Every structure is written in C-alpha cells, then in structure tokens.
Amino acid sequence: MNVDSVARPYAFIKFDTFIQKTKKLYSDQRTQRNLEKLNEDLHDIQSIMTRNINDVLEQGERLDRVENMSGNLAMESKKYAKKAKDLSRQALIQKYMPVIVLVGLFICVYGFRRFFAAA
C-alpha cells in the first residue's frame, strides 16, 4: 500500500490561507481579550434589551389596567347620572307633593260640596 504524503495535515491546499488566518486569529492573545470584551459587551447589550422588553411588557400591562379603569369609570358615571336623575325626581316629588295633595283635597271638597249642594 502506497500512501501519498502532503506538506500539511490536510489535503485542501486552497483553504490553507483561510485556515492559517483563522488559526492566527484564535491563537493571538490580544484577539482572545478582544473576543472576551466583545462577549461582555454582547452580554451587556442582551441584558439591556431584556430590560427594555420587560419595560415594554410592563407598560402594556399598565395600559391594560388604565383601559379597564377607564371602562369602569365610564360605567360608574352612567350609574351616577341615573341615580342623580332619580334623586332629582324624588326631590321634586317631596317638594311639590304637599301642595298637590292640598290642591287635590281642595278640589275634592269643593266638588263634593257642589255635588251635594246641588242635590
């Protein structure tokens, strides 16, 4: 058996420059520090974005609560308007009922006297 030998441990020489650059990039200590710094920055950005998303979600929940409260307020104001009309009507009845009763009683007495006086 005859095995061909190559100068490098891989047979695809056209990728040699890419592989050498990548190897140098990852073996350089400054690059490792830069990658660590980049990872820290990415982590910071991720935490900021997570916080922003949570803030937006909380704001949506607060808006839902405000919407519910405004709906309840509108419903309660309608109830208040109805109660105000009822109270106004009751106040008018209490104010004018004695006068109406006296006038009605006077008309009844006058009509009764007139009916029996004519007979």
PDB file of N, CA and C in Angstrom:
ATOM      1  N   MET A   1       0.824  -1.158   0.000  1.00  0.00           N
ATOM      2  CA  MET A   1       0.000   0.000   0.000  1.00  0.00           C
ATOM      3  C   MET A   1       0.881   1.238   0.000  1.00  0.00           C
ATOM      4  N   ASN A   2       0.526   2.125  -0.866  1.00  0.00           N
ATOM      5  CA  ASN A   2       1.305   3.325  -1.022  1.00  0.00           C
ATOM      6  C   ASN A   2       0.452   4.519  -0.604  1.00  0.00           C
ATOM      7  N   VAL A   3       0.889   5.325   0.347  1.00  0.00           N
ATOM      8  CA  VAL A   3       0.156   6.485   0.852  1.00  0.00           C
ATOM      9  C   VAL A   3       0.881   7.726   0.408  1.00  0.00           C
ATOM     10  N   ASP A   4       0.160   8.613  -0.229  1.00  0.00           N
ATOM     11  CA  ASP A   4       0.761   9.880  -0.652  1.00  0.00           C
ATOM     12  C   ASP A   4       0.929  10.778   0.564  1.00  0.00           C
ATOM     13  N   SER A   5       2.006  11.468   0.622  1.00  0.00           N
ATOM     14  CA  SER A   5       2.227  12.389   1.732  1.00  0.00           C
ATOM     15  C   SER A   5       2.000  13.810   1.258  1.00  0.00           C
ATOM     16  N   VAL A   6       1.597  14.638   2.168  1.00  0.00           N
ATOM     17  CA  VAL A   6       1.341  16.039   1.862  1.00  0.00           C
ATOM     18  C   VAL A   6       2.130  16.895   2.839  1.00  0.00           C
ATOM     19  N   ALA A   7       2.385  18.124   2.469  1.00  0.00           N
ATOM     20  CA  ALA A   7       3.166  19.013   3.316  1.00  0.00           C
ATOM     21  C   ALA A   7       2.382  19.449   4.557  1.00  0.00           C
ATOM     22  N   ARG A   8       1.109  19.517   4.440  1.00  0.00           N
ATOM     23  CA  ARG A   8       0.266  19.915   5.571  1.00  0.00           C
ATOM     24  C   ARG A   8      -0.655  18.742   5.923  1.00  0.00           C
ATOM     25  N   PRO A   9      -1.221  18.763   7.123  1.00  0.00           N
ATOM     26  CA  PRO A   9      -2.058  17.629   7.530  1.00  0.00           C
ATOM     27  C   PRO A   9      -3.426  17.589   6.869  1.00  0.00           C
ATOM     28  N   TYR A  10      -3.680  18.418   5.899  1.00  0.00           N
ATOM     29  CA  TYR A  10      -4.953  18.375   5.190  1.00  0.00           C
ATOM     30  C   TYR A  10      -4.675  18.459   3.698  1.00  0.00           C
ATOM     31  N   ALA A  11      -5.579  17.984   2.944  1.00  0.00           N
ATOM     32  CA  ALA A  11      -5.333  17.854   1.517  1.00  0.00           C
ATOM     33  C   ALA A  11      -5.856  19.040   0.710  1.00  0.00           C
ATOM     34  N   PHE A  12      -6.609  19.912   1.290  1.00  0.00           N
ATOM     35  CA  PHE A  12      -7.210  21.008   0.542  1.00  0.00           C
ATOM     36  C   PHE A  12      -6.354  22.263   0.685  1.00  0.00           C
ATOM     37  N   ILE A  13      -5.363  22.366  -0.148  1.00  0.00           N
ATOM     38  CA  ILE A  13      -4.387  23.440  -0.082  1.00  0.00           C
ATOM     39  C   ILE A  13      -5.024  24.802  -0.367  1.00  0.00           C
ATOM     40  N   LYS A  14      -6.055  24.858  -1.166  1.00  0.00           N
ATOM     41  CA  LYS A  14      -6.653  26.151  -1.493  1.00  0.00           C
ATOM     42  C   LYS A  14      -7.291  26.820  -0.259  1.00  0.00           C
ATOM     43  N   PHE A  15      -7.591  26.047   0.789  1.00  0.00           N
ATOM     44  CA  PHE A  15      -8.122  26.616   2.027  1.00  0.00           C
ATOM     45  C   PHE A  15      -7.014  26.948   3.021  1.00  0.00           C
ATOM     46  N   ASP A  16      -5.783  26.766   2.620  1.00  0.00           N
ATOM     47  CA  ASP A  16      -4.656  26.945   3.525  1.00  0.00           C
ATOM     48  C   ASP A  16      -4.578  28.368   4.063  1.00  0.00           C
ATOM     49  N   THR A  17      -4.740  29.358   3.226  1.00  0.00           N
ATOM     50  CA  THR A  17      -4.641  30.749   3.702  1.00  0.00           C
ATOM     51  C   THR A  17      -5.758  31.066   4.689  1.00  0.00           C
ATOM     52  N   PHE A  18      -6.977  30.616   4.399  1.00  0.00           N
ATOM     53  CA  PHE A  18      -8.095  30.850   5.316  1.00  0.00           C
ATOM     54  C   PHE A  18      -7.847  30.170   6.657  1.00  0.00           C
ATOM     55  N   ILE A  19      -7.382  28.931   6.609  1.00  0.00           N
ATOM     56  CA  ILE A  19      -7.138  28.174   7.840  1.00  0.00           C
ATOM     57  C   ILE A  19      -6.003  28.811   8.633  1.00  0.00           C
ATOM     58  N   GLN A  20      -4.967  29.256   7.975  1.00  0.00           N
ATOM     59  CA  GLN A  20      -3.841  29.883   8.671  1.00  0.00           C
ATOM     60  C   GLN A  20      -4.271  31.202   9.328  1.00  0.00           C
ATOM     61  N   LYS A  21      -5.072  32.015   8.620  1.00  0.00           N
ATOM     62  CA  LYS A  21      -5.557  33.270   9.194  1.00  0.00           C
ATOM     63  C   LYS A  21      -6.456  33.007  10.399  1.00  0.00           C
ATOM     64  N   THR A  22      -7.322  32.030  10.274  1.00  0.00           N
ATOM     65  CA  THR A  22      -8.225  31.694  11.374  1.00  0.00           C
ATOM     66  C   THR A  22      -7.444  31.173  12.568  1.00  0.00           C
ATOM     67  N   LYS A  23      -6.429  30.343  12.305  1.00  0.00           N
ATOM     68  CA  LYS A  23      -5.591  29.803  13.374  1.00  0.00           C
ATOM     69  C   LYS A  23      -4.857  30.931  14.079  1.00  0.00           C
ATOM     70  N   LYS A  24      -4.336  31.871  13.312  1.00  0.00           N
ATOM     71  CA  LYS A  24      -3.611  33.000  13.895  1.00  0.00           C
ATOM     72  C   LYS A  24      -4.560  33.883  14.699  1.00  0.00           C
ATOM     73  N   LEU A  25      -5.755  34.082  14.180  1.00  0.00           N
ATOM     74  CA  LEU A  25      -6.741  34.920  14.854  1.00  0.00           C
ATOM     75  C   LEU A  25      -7.088  34.371  16.237  1.00  0.00           C
ATOM     76  N   TYR A  26      -7.302  33.066  16.317  1.00  0.00           N
ATOM     77  CA  TYR A  26      -7.698  32.472  17.590  1.00  0.00           C
ATOM     78  C   TYR A  26      -6.521  32.191  18.511  1.00  0.00           C
ATOM     79  N   SER A  27      -5.318  32.162  18.008  1.00  0.00           N
ATOM     80  CA  SER A  27      -4.172  31.918  18.877  1.00  0.00           C
ATOM     81  C   SER A  27      -3.577  33.206  19.423  1.00  0.00           C
ATOM     82  N   ASP A  28      -3.906  34.340  18.845  1.00  0.00           N
ATOM     83  CA  ASP A  28      -3.395  35.630  19.301  1.00  0.00           C
ATOM     84  C   ASP A  28      -4.063  36.009  20.620  1.00  0.00           C
ATOM     85  N   GLN A  29      -3.259  36.386  21.632  1.00  0.00           N
ATOM     86  CA  GLN A  29      -3.780  36.720  22.955  1.00  0.00           C
ATOM     87  C   GLN A  29      -4.620  38.001  22.927  1.00  0.00           C
ATOM     88  N   ARG A  30      -4.206  38.969  22.123  1.00  0.00           N
ATOM     89  CA  ARG A  30      -4.985  40.195  22.033  1.00  0.00           C
ATOM     90  C   ARG A  30      -6.371  39.905  21.471  1.00  0.00           C
ATOM     91  N   THR A  31      -6.421  39.012  20.503  1.00  0.00           N
ATOM     92  CA  THR A  31      -7.709  38.642  19.923  1.00  0.00           C
ATOM     93  C   THR A  31      -8.575  37.957  20.962  1.00  0.00           C
ATOM     94  N   GLN A  32      -7.975  37.114  21.791  1.00  0.00           N
ATOM     95  CA  GLN A  32      -8.742  36.446  22.847  1.00  0.00           C
ATOM     96  C   GLN A  32      -9.344  37.482  23.802  1.00  0.00           C
ATOM     97  N   ARG A  33      -8.533  38.489  24.160  1.00  0.00           N
ATOM     98  CA  ARG A  33      -9.051  39.539  25.036  1.00  0.00           C
ATOM     99  C   ARG A  33     -10.153  40.330  24.330  1.00  0.00           C
ATOM    100  N   ASN A  34      -9.943  40.598  23.060  1.00  0.00           N
ATOM    101  CA  ASN A  34     -10.971  41.321  22.297  1.00  0.00           C
ATOM    102  C   ASN A  34     -12.256  40.505  22.219  1.00  0.00           C
ATOM    103  N   LEU A  35     -12.110  39.184  22.034  1.00  0.00           N
ATOM    104  CA  LEU A  35     -13.293  38.327  21.990  1.00  0.00           C
ATOM    105  C   LEU A  35     -13.998  38.304  23.343  1.00  0.00           C
ATOM    106  N   GLU A  36     -13.215  38.274  24.413  1.00  0.00           N
ATOM    107  CA  GLU A  36     -13.819  38.302  25.747  1.00  0.00           C
ATOM    108  C   GLU A  36     -14.544  39.624  25.975  1.00  0.00           C
ATOM    109  N   LYS A  37     -13.909  40.723  25.559  1.00  0.00           N
ATOM    110  CA  LYS A  37     -14.530  42.040  25.687  1.00  0.00           C
ATOM    111  C   LYS A  37     -15.802  42.097  24.835  1.00  0.00           C
ATOM    112  N   LEU A  38     -15.742  41.552  23.623  1.00  0.00           N
ATOM    113  CA  LEU A  38     -16.909  41.511  22.757  1.00  0.00           C
ATOM    114  C   LEU A  38     -18.028  40.693  23.392  1.00  0.00           C
ATOM    115  N   ASN A  39     -17.688  39.565  23.982  1.00  0.00           N
ATOM    116  CA  ASN A  39     -18.691  38.738  24.658  1.00  0.00           C
ATOM    117  C   ASN A  39     -19.308  39.480  25.845  1.00  0.00           C
ATOM    118  N   GLU A  40     -18.492  40.225  26.592  1.00  0.00           N
ATOM    119  CA  GLU A  40     -19.026  41.008  27.709  1.00  0.00           C
ATOM    120  C   GLU A  40     -19.976  42.088  27.196  1.00  0.00           C
ATOM    121  N   ASP A  41     -19.546  42.756  26.127  1.00  0.00           N
ATOM    122  CA  ASP A  41     -20.410  43.780  25.543  1.00  0.00           C
ATOM    123  C   ASP A  41     -21.720  43.184  25.047  1.00  0.00           C
ATOM    124  N   LEU A  42     -21.621  42.039  24.409  1.00  0.00           N
ATOM    125  CA  LEU A  42     -22.843  41.366  23.928  1.00  0.00           C
ATOM    126  C   LEU A  42     -23.750  40.980  25.101  1.00  0.00           C
ATOM    127  N   HIS A  43     -23.152  40.535  26.180  1.00  0.00           N
ATOM    128  CA  HIS A  43     -23.940  40.179  27.368  1.00  0.00           C
ATOM    129  C   HIS A  43     -24.622  41.430  27.944  1.00  0.00           C
ATOM    130  N   ASP A  44     -23.868  42.539  28.005  1.00  0.00           N
ATOM    131  CA  ASP A  44     -24.460  43.791  28.486  1.00  0.00           C
ATOM    132  C   ASP A  44     -25.607  44.235  27.589  1.00  0.00           C
ATOM    133  N   ILE A  45     -25.403  44.158  26.292  1.00  0.00           N
ATOM    134  CA  ILE A  45     -26.452  44.545  25.344  1.00  0.00           C
ATOM    135  C   ILE A  45     -27.668  43.642  25.503  1.00  0.00           C
ATOM    136  N   GLN A  46     -27.421  42.358  25.697  1.00  0.00           N
ATOM    137  CA  GLN A  46     -28.530  41.417  25.871  1.00  0.00           C
ATOM    138  C   GLN A  46     -29.315  41.755  27.139  1.00  0.00           C
ATOM    139  N   SER A  47     -28.613  42.071  28.227  1.00  0.00           N
ATOM    140  CA  SER A  47     -29.326  42.403  29.466  1.00  0.00           C
ATOM    141  C   SER A  47     -30.111  43.706  29.313  1.00  0.00           C
ATOM    142  N   ILE A  48     -29.548  44.684  28.589  1.00  0.00           N
ATOM    143  CA  ILE A  48     -30.266  45.938  28.359  1.00  0.00           C
ATOM    144  C   ILE A  48     -31.505  45.689  27.509  1.00  0.00           C
ATOM    145  N   MET A  49     -31.365  44.885  26.473  1.00  0.00           N
ATOM    146  CA  MET A  49     -32.521  44.584  25.616  1.00  0.00           C
ATOM    147  C   MET A  49     -33.587  43.812  26.394  1.00  0.00           C
ATOM    148  N   THR A  50     -33.161  42.900  27.242  1.00  0.00           N
ATOM    149  CA  THR A  50     -34.123  42.145  28.059  1.00  0.00           C
ATOM    150  C   THR A  50     -34.874  43.089  28.985  1.00  0.00           C
ATOM    151  N   ARG A  51     -34.134  44.025  29.588  1.00  0.00           N
ATOM    152  CA  ARG A  51     -34.762  45.011  30.460  1.00  0.00           C
ATOM    153  C   ARG A  51     -35.748  45.875  29.675  1.00  0.00           C
ATOM    154  N   ASN A  52     -35.357  46.297  28.478  1.00  0.00           N
ATOM    155  CA  ASN A  52     -36.249  47.120  27.651  1.00  0.00           C
ATOM    156  C   ASN A  52     -37.517  46.363  27.274  1.00  0.00           C
ATOM    157  N   ILE A  53     -37.361  45.108  26.914  1.00  0.00           N
ATOM    158  CA  ILE A  53     -38.534  44.295  26.556  1.00  0.00           C
ATOM    159  C   ILE A  53     -39.448  44.139  27.765  1.00  0.00           C
ATOM    160  N   ASN A  54     -38.858  43.899  28.940  1.00  0.00           N
ATOM    161  CA  ASN A  54     -39.674  43.782  30.149  1.00  0.00           C
ATOM    162  C   ASN A  54     -40.390  45.098  30.453  1.00  0.00           C
ATOM    163  N   ASP A  55     -39.691  46.224  30.248  1.00  0.00           N
ATOM    164  CA  ASP A  55     -40.329  47.521  30.463  1.00  0.00           C
ATOM    165  C   ASP A  55     -41.503  47.722  29.516  1.00  0.00           C
ATOM    166  N   VAL A  56     -41.340  47.334  28.262  1.00  0.00           N
ATOM    167  CA  VAL A  56     -42.425  47.467  27.286  1.00  0.00           C
ATOM    168  C   VAL A  56     -43.606  46.582  27.682  1.00  0.00           C
ATOM    169  N   LEU A  57     -43.323  45.365  28.133  1.00  0.00           N
ATOM    170  CA  LEU A  57     -44.402  44.468  28.553  1.00  0.00           C
ATOM    171  C   LEU A  57     -45.126  45.018  29.772  1.00  0.00           C
ATOM    172  N   GLU A  58     -44.366  45.564  30.733  1.00  0.00           N
ATOM    173  CA  GLU A  58     -44.995  46.145  31.916  1.00  0.00           C
ATOM    174  C   GLU A  58     -45.835  47.363  31.533  1.00  0.00           C
ATOM    175  N   GLN A  59     -45.330  48.149  30.590  1.00  0.00           N
ATOM    176  CA  GLN A  59     -46.089  49.311  30.141  1.00  0.00           C
ATOM    177  C   GLN A  59     -47.394  48.861  29.483  1.00  0.00           C
ATOM    178  N   GLY A  60     -47.343  47.772  28.726  1.00  0.00           N
ATOM    179  CA  GLY A  60     -48.567  47.232  28.124  1.00  0.00           C
ATOM    180  C   GLY A  60     -49.559  46.797  29.184  1.00  0.00           C
ATOM    181  N   GLU A  61     -49.048  46.160  30.250  1.00  0.00           N
ATOM    182  CA  GLU A  61     -49.932  45.742  31.334  1.00  0.00           C
ATOM    183  C   GLU A  61     -50.550  46.955  32.026  1.00  0.00           C
ATOM    184  N   ARG A  62     -49.732  48.003  32.219  1.00  0.00           N
ATOM    185  CA  ARG A  62     -50.262  49.213  32.847  1.00  0.00           C
ATOM    186  C   ARG A  62     -51.317  49.858  31.957  1.00  0.00           C
ATOM    187  N   LEU A  63     -51.097  49.862  30.651  1.00  0.00           N
ATOM    188  CA  LEU A  63     -52.093  50.416  29.737  1.00  0.00           C
ATOM    189  C   LEU A  63     -53.389  49.614  29.785  1.00  0.00           C
ATOM    190  N   ASP A  64     -53.271  48.288  29.895  1.00  0.00           N
ATOM    191  CA  ASP A  64     -54.472  47.453  30.024  1.00  0.00           C
ATOM    192  C   ASP A  64     -55.232  47.803  31.299  1.00  0.00           C
ATOM    193  N   ARG A  65     -54.477  48.007  32.393  1.00  0.00           N
ATOM    194  CA  ARG A  65     -55.120  48.374  33.656  1.00  0.00           C
ATOM    195  C   ARG A  65     -55.817  49.721  33.553  1.00  0.00           C
ATOM    196  N   VAL A  66     -55.162  50.689  32.904  1.00  0.00           N
ATOM    197  CA  VAL A  66     -55.769  52.013  32.733  1.00  0.00           C
ATOM    198  C   VAL A  66     -57.016  51.907  31.865  1.00  0.00           C
ATOM    199  N   GLU A  67     -56.958  51.076  30.826  1.00  0.00           N
ATOM    200  CA  GLU A  67     -58.125  50.884  29.964  1.00  0.00           C
ATOM    201  C   GLU A  67     -59.285  50.293  30.762  1.00  0.00           C
ATOM    202  N   ASN A  68     -58.998  49.294  31.594  1.00  0.00           N
ATOM    203  CA  ASN A  68     -60.049  48.699  32.428  1.00  0.00           C
ATOM    204  C   ASN A  68     -60.625  49.717  33.397  1.00  0.00           C
ATOM    205  N   MET A  69     -59.739  50.526  34.007  1.00  0.00           N
ATOM    206  CA  MET A  69     -60.222  51.524  34.954  1.00  0.00           C
ATOM    207  C   MET A  69     -61.073  52.576  34.252  1.00  0.00           C
ATOM    208  N   SER A  70     -60.696  52.975  33.035  1.00  0.00           N
ATOM    209  CA  SER A  70     -61.495  53.967  32.321  1.00  0.00           C
ATOM    210  C   SER A  70     -62.854  53.391  31.934  1.00  0.00           C
ATOM    211  N   GLY A  71     -62.888  52.102  31.564  1.00  0.00           N
ATOM    212  CA  GLY A  71     -64.169  51.461  31.275  1.00  0.00           C
ATOM    213  C   GLY A  71     -65.057  51.421  32.508  1.00  0.00           C
ATOM    214  N   ASN A  72     -64.443  51.073  33.659  1.00  0.00           N
ATOM    215  CA  ASN A  72     -65.210  51.052  34.910  1.00  0.00           C
ATOM    216  C   ASN A  72     -65.693  52.449  35.276  1.00  0.00           C
ATOM    217  N   LEU A  73     -64.853  53.451  35.041  1.00  0.00           N
ATOM    218  CA  LEU A  73     -65.227  54.829  35.348  1.00  0.00           C
ATOM    219  C   LEU A  73     -66.405  55.273  34.487  1.00  0.00           C
ATOM    220  N   ALA A  74     -66.387  54.918  33.213  1.00  0.00           N
ATOM    221  CA  ALA A  74     -67.499  55.281  32.326  1.00  0.00           C
ATOM    222  C   ALA A  74     -68.791  54.616  32.791  1.00  0.00           C
ATOM    223  N   MET A  75     -68.694  53.352  33.178  1.00  0.00           N
ATOM    224  CA  MET A  75     -69.874  52.632  33.646  1.00  0.00           C
ATOM    225  C   MET A  75     -70.402  53.242  34.948  1.00  0.00           C
ATOM    226  N   GLU A  76     -69.492  53.576  35.856  1.00  0.00           N
ATOM    227  CA  GLU A  76     -69.907  54.170  37.121  1.00  0.00           C
ATOM    228  C   GLU A  76     -70.500  55.560  36.913  1.00  0.00           C
ATOM    229  N   SER A  77     -69.975  56.317  35.939  1.00  0.00           N
ATOM    230  CA  SER A  77     -70.534  57.651  35.681  1.00  0.00           C
ATOM    231  C   SER A  77     -71.953  57.547  35.129  1.00  0.00           C
ATOM    232  N   LYS A  78     -72.223  56.530  34.318  1.00  0.00           N
ATOM    233  CA  LYS A  78     -73.597  56.317  33.832  1.00  0.00           C
ATOM    234  C   LYS A  78     -74.530  55.989  34.996  1.00  0.00           C
ATOM    235  N   LYS A  79     -74.047  55.145  35.919  1.00  0.00           N
ATOM    236  CA  LYS A  79     -74.857  54.819  37.101  1.00  0.00           C
ATOM    237  C   LYS A  79     -75.107  56.083  37.926  1.00  0.00           C
ATOM    238  N   TYR A  80     -74.073  56.912  38.069  1.00  0.00           N
ATOM    239  CA  TYR A  80     -74.202  58.147  38.841  1.00  0.00           C
ATOM    240  C   TYR A  80     -75.224  59.076  38.200  1.00  0.00           C
ATOM    241  N   ALA A  81     -75.187  59.205  36.872  1.00  0.00           N
ATOM    242  CA  ALA A  81     -76.138  60.072  36.177  1.00  0.00           C
ATOM    243  C   ALA A  81     -77.571  59.575  36.396  1.00  0.00           C
ATOM    244  N   LYS A  82     -77.761  58.272  36.349  1.00  0.00           N
ATOM    245  CA  LYS A  82     -79.104  57.704  36.560  1.00  0.00           C
ATOM    246  C   LYS A  82     -79.571  57.967  37.989  1.00  0.00           C
ATOM    247  N   LYS A  83     -78.687  57.756  38.949  1.00  0.00           N
ATOM    248  CA  LYS A  83     -79.047  57.996  40.352  1.00  0.00           C
ATOM    249  C   LYS A  83     -79.355  59.480  40.578  1.00  0.00           C
ATOM    250  N   ALA A  84     -78.589  60.364  39.917  1.00  0.00           N
ATOM    251  CA  ALA A  84     -78.825  61.803  40.058  1.00  0.00           C
ATOM    252  C   ALA A  84     -80.212  62.174  39.532  1.00  0.00           C
ATOM    253  N   LYS A  85     -80.613  61.591  38.394  1.00  0.00           N
ATOM    254  CA  LYS A  85     -81.961  61.848  37.861  1.00  0.00           C
ATOM    255  C   LYS A  85     -83.022  61.363  38.838  1.00  0.00           C
ATOM    256  N   ASP A  86     -82.818  60.151  39.382  1.00  0.00           N
ATOM    257  CA  ASP A  86     -83.784  59.604  40.342  1.00  0.00           C
ATOM    258  C   ASP A  86     -83.898  60.497  41.573  1.00  0.00           C
ATOM    259  N   LEU A  87     -82.769  60.947  42.091  1.00  0.00           N
ATOM    260  CA  LEU A  87     -82.794  61.811  43.268  1.00  0.00           C
ATOM    261  C   LEU A  87     -83.457  63.150  42.965  1.00  0.00           C
ATOM    262  N   SER A  88     -83.197  63.674  41.781  1.00  0.00           N
ATOM    263  CA  SER A  88     -83.828  64.935  41.389  1.00  0.00           C
ATOM    264  C   SER A  88     -85.346  64.777  41.325  1.00  0.00           C
ATOM    265  N   ARG A  89     -85.783  63.681  40.746  1.00  0.00           N
ATOM    266  CA  ARG A  89     -87.224  63.411  40.659  1.00  0.00           C
ATOM    267  C   ARG A  89     -87.823  63.261  42.054  1.00  0.00           C
ATOM    268  N   GLN A  90     -87.148  62.542  42.929  1.00  0.00           N
ATOM    269  CA  GLN A  90     -87.650  62.365  44.300  1.00  0.00           C
ATOM    270  C   GLN A  90     -87.699  63.699  45.046  1.00  0.00           C
ATOM    271  N   ALA A  91     -86.703  64.571  44.798  1.00  0.00           N
ATOM    272  CA  ALA A  91     -86.697  65.877  45.454  1.00  0.00           C
ATOM    273  C   ALA A  91     -87.883  66.726  44.981  1.00  0.00           C
ATOM    274  N   LEU A  92     -88.176  66.668  43.675  1.00  0.00           N
ATOM    275  CA  LEU A  92     -89.335  67.407  43.165  1.00  0.00           C
ATOM    276  C   LEU A  92     -90.634  66.887  43.767  1.00  0.00           C
ATOM    277  N   ILE A  93     -90.746  65.577  43.862  1.00  0.00           N
ATOM    278  CA  ILE A  93     -91.954  64.976  44.439  1.00  0.00           C
ATOM    279  C   ILE A  93     -92.105  65.406  45.891  1.00  0.00           C
ATOM    280  N   GLN A  94     -91.014  65.355  46.659  1.00  0.00           N
ATOM    281  CA  GLN A  94     -91.091  65.753  48.068  1.00  0.00           C
ATOM    282  C   GLN A  94     -91.404  67.237  48.214  1.00  0.00           C
ATOM    283  N   LYS A  95     -90.928  68.030  47.277  1.00  0.00           N
ATOM    284  CA  LYS A  95     -91.143  69.477  47.364  1.00  0.00           C
ATOM    285  C   LYS A  95     -92.585  69.843  47.032  1.00  0.00           C
ATOM    286  N   TYR A  96     -93.131  69.253  45.975  1.00  0.00           N
ATOM    287  CA  TYR A  96     -94.450  69.666  45.500  1.00  0.00           C
ATOM    288  C   TYR A  96     -95.591  68.741  45.916  1.00  0.00           C
ATOM    289  N   MET A  97     -95.308  67.611  46.517  1.00  0.00           N
ATOM    290  CA  MET A  97     -96.366  66.671  46.897  1.00  0.00           C
ATOM    291  C   MET A  97     -97.341  67.282  47.912  1.00  0.00           C
ATOM    292  N   PRO A  98     -96.865  67.977  48.949  1.00  0.00           N
ATOM    293  CA  PRO A  98     -97.859  68.559  49.877  1.00  0.00           C
ATOM    294  C   PRO A  98     -98.793  69.567  49.182  1.00  0.00           C
ATOM    295  N   VAL A  99     -98.257  70.360  48.254  1.00  0.00           N
ATOM    296  CA  VAL A  99     -99.090  71.332  47.539  1.00  0.00           C
ATOM    297  C   VAL A  99    -100.101  70.596  46.662  1.00  0.00           C
ATOM    298  N   ILE A 100     -99.639  69.559  45.958  1.00  0.00           N
ATOM    299  CA  ILE A 100    -100.533  68.781  45.085  1.00  0.00           C
ATOM    300  C   ILE A 100    -101.630  68.121  45.912  1.00  0.00           C
ATOM    301  N   VAL A 101    -101.262  67.565  47.072  1.00  0.00           N
ATOM    302  CA  VAL A 101    -102.265  66.909  47.931  1.00  0.00           C
ATOM    303  C   VAL A 101    -103.282  67.933  48.429  1.00  0.00           C
ATOM    304  N   LEU A 102    -102.795  69.105  48.854  1.00  0.00           N
ATOM    305  CA  LEU A 102    -103.738  70.124  49.335  1.00  0.00           C
ATOM    306  C   LEU A 102    -104.661  70.595  48.219  1.00  0.00           C
ATOM    307  N   VAL A 103    -104.113  70.842  47.020  1.00  0.00           N
ATOM    308  CA  VAL A 103    -104.943  71.275  45.891  1.00  0.00           C
ATOM    309  C   VAL A 103    -105.940  70.169  45.530  1.00  0.00           C
ATOM    310  N   GLY A 104    -105.483  68.945  45.508  1.00  0.00           N
ATOM    311  CA  GLY A 104    -106.376  67.823  45.207  1.00  0.00           C
ATOM    312  C   GLY A 104    -107.473  67.692  46.250  1.00  0.00           C
ATOM    313  N   LEU A 105    -107.097  67.836  47.505  1.00  0.00           N
ATOM    314  CA  LEU A 105    -108.080  67.765  48.584  1.00  0.00           C
ATOM    315  C   LEU A 105    -109.086  68.920  48.474  1.00  0.00           C
ATOM    316  N   PHE A 106    -108.585  70.103  48.156  1.00  0.00           N
ATOM    317  CA  PHE A 106    -109.462  71.259  47.988  1.00  0.00           C
ATOM    318  C   PHE A 106    -110.440  71.027  46.843  1.00  0.00           C
ATOM    319  N   ILE A 107    -109.955  70.482  45.725  1.00  0.00           N
ATOM    320  CA  ILE A 107    -110.835  70.213  44.577  1.00  0.00           C
ATOM    321  C   ILE A 107    -111.863  69.157  44.946  1.00  0.00           C
ATOM    322  N   CYS A 108    -111.438  68.136  45.665  1.00  0.00           N
ATOM    323  CA  CYS A 108    -112.392  67.090  46.072  1.00  0.00           C
ATOM    324  C   CYS A 108    -113.471  67.662  46.995  1.00  0.00           C
ATOM    325  N   VAL A 109    -113.039  68.460  47.983  1.00  0.00           N
ATOM    326  CA  VAL A 109    -114.010  69.054  48.915  1.00  0.00           C
ATOM    327  C   VAL A 109    -114.938  70.003  48.161  1.00  0.00           C
ATOM    328  N   TYR A 110    -114.373  70.821  47.284  1.00  0.00           N
ATOM    329  CA  TYR A 110    -115.192  71.758  46.508  1.00  0.00           C
ATOM    330  C   TYR A 110    -116.172  70.996  45.616  1.00  0.00           C
ATOM    331  N   GLY A 111    -115.685  69.936  44.956  1.00  0.00           N
ATOM    332  CA  GLY A 111    -116.557  69.155  44.103  1.00  0.00           C
ATOM    333  C   GLY A 111    -117.608  68.413  44.912  1.00  0.00           C
ATOM    334  N   PHE A 112    -117.257  67.905  46.072  1.00  0.00           N
ATOM    335  CA  PHE A 112    -118.172  67.179  46.915  1.00  0.00           C
ATOM    336  C   PHE A 112    -119.262  68.141  47.423  1.00  0.00           C
ATOM    337  N   ARG A 113    -118.869  69.327  47.852  1.00  0.00           N
ATOM    338  CA  ARG A 113    -119.839  70.308  48.347  1.00  0.00           C
ATOM    339  C   ARG A 113    -120.778  70.728  47.209  1.00  0.00           C
ATOM    340  N   ARG A 114    -120.224  70.929  46.055  1.00  0.00           N
ATOM    341  CA  ARG A 114    -121.023  71.384  44.922  1.00  0.00           C
ATOM    342  C   ARG A 114    -121.998  70.295  44.484  1.00  0.00           C
ATOM    343  N   PHE A 115    -121.520  69.038  44.495  1.00  0.00           N
ATOM    344  CA  PHE A 115    -122.395  67.946  44.095  1.00  0.00           C
ATOM    345  C   PHE A 115    -123.538  67.748  45.052  1.00  0.00           C
ATOM    346  N   PHE A 116    -123.205  67.785  46.368  1.00  0.00           N
ATOM    347  CA  PHE A 116    -124.256  67.581  47.346  1.00  0.00           C
ATOM    348  C   PHE A 116    -125.082  68.851  47.582  1.00  0.00           C
ATOM    349  N   ALA A 117    -124.542  70.017  47.320  1.00  0.00           N
ATOM    350  CA  ALA A 117    -125.278  71.234  47.478  1.00  0.00           C
ATOM    351  C   ALA A 117    -126.327  71.375  46.370  1.00  0.00           C
ATOM    352  N   ALA A 118    -126.023  70.871  45.200  1.00  0.00           N
ATOM    353  CA  ALA A 118    -126.942  70.970  44.084  1.00  0.00           C
ATOM    354  C   ALA A 118    -128.067  69.947  44.260  1.00  0.00           C
ATOM    355  N   ALA A 119    -127.873  68.929  45.018  1.00  0.00           N
ATOM    356  CA  ALA A 119    -128.876  67.896  45.140  1.00  0.00           C
ATOM    357  C   ALA A 119    -129.934  68.158  46.119  1.00  0.00           C
TER     358      ALA A 119
END
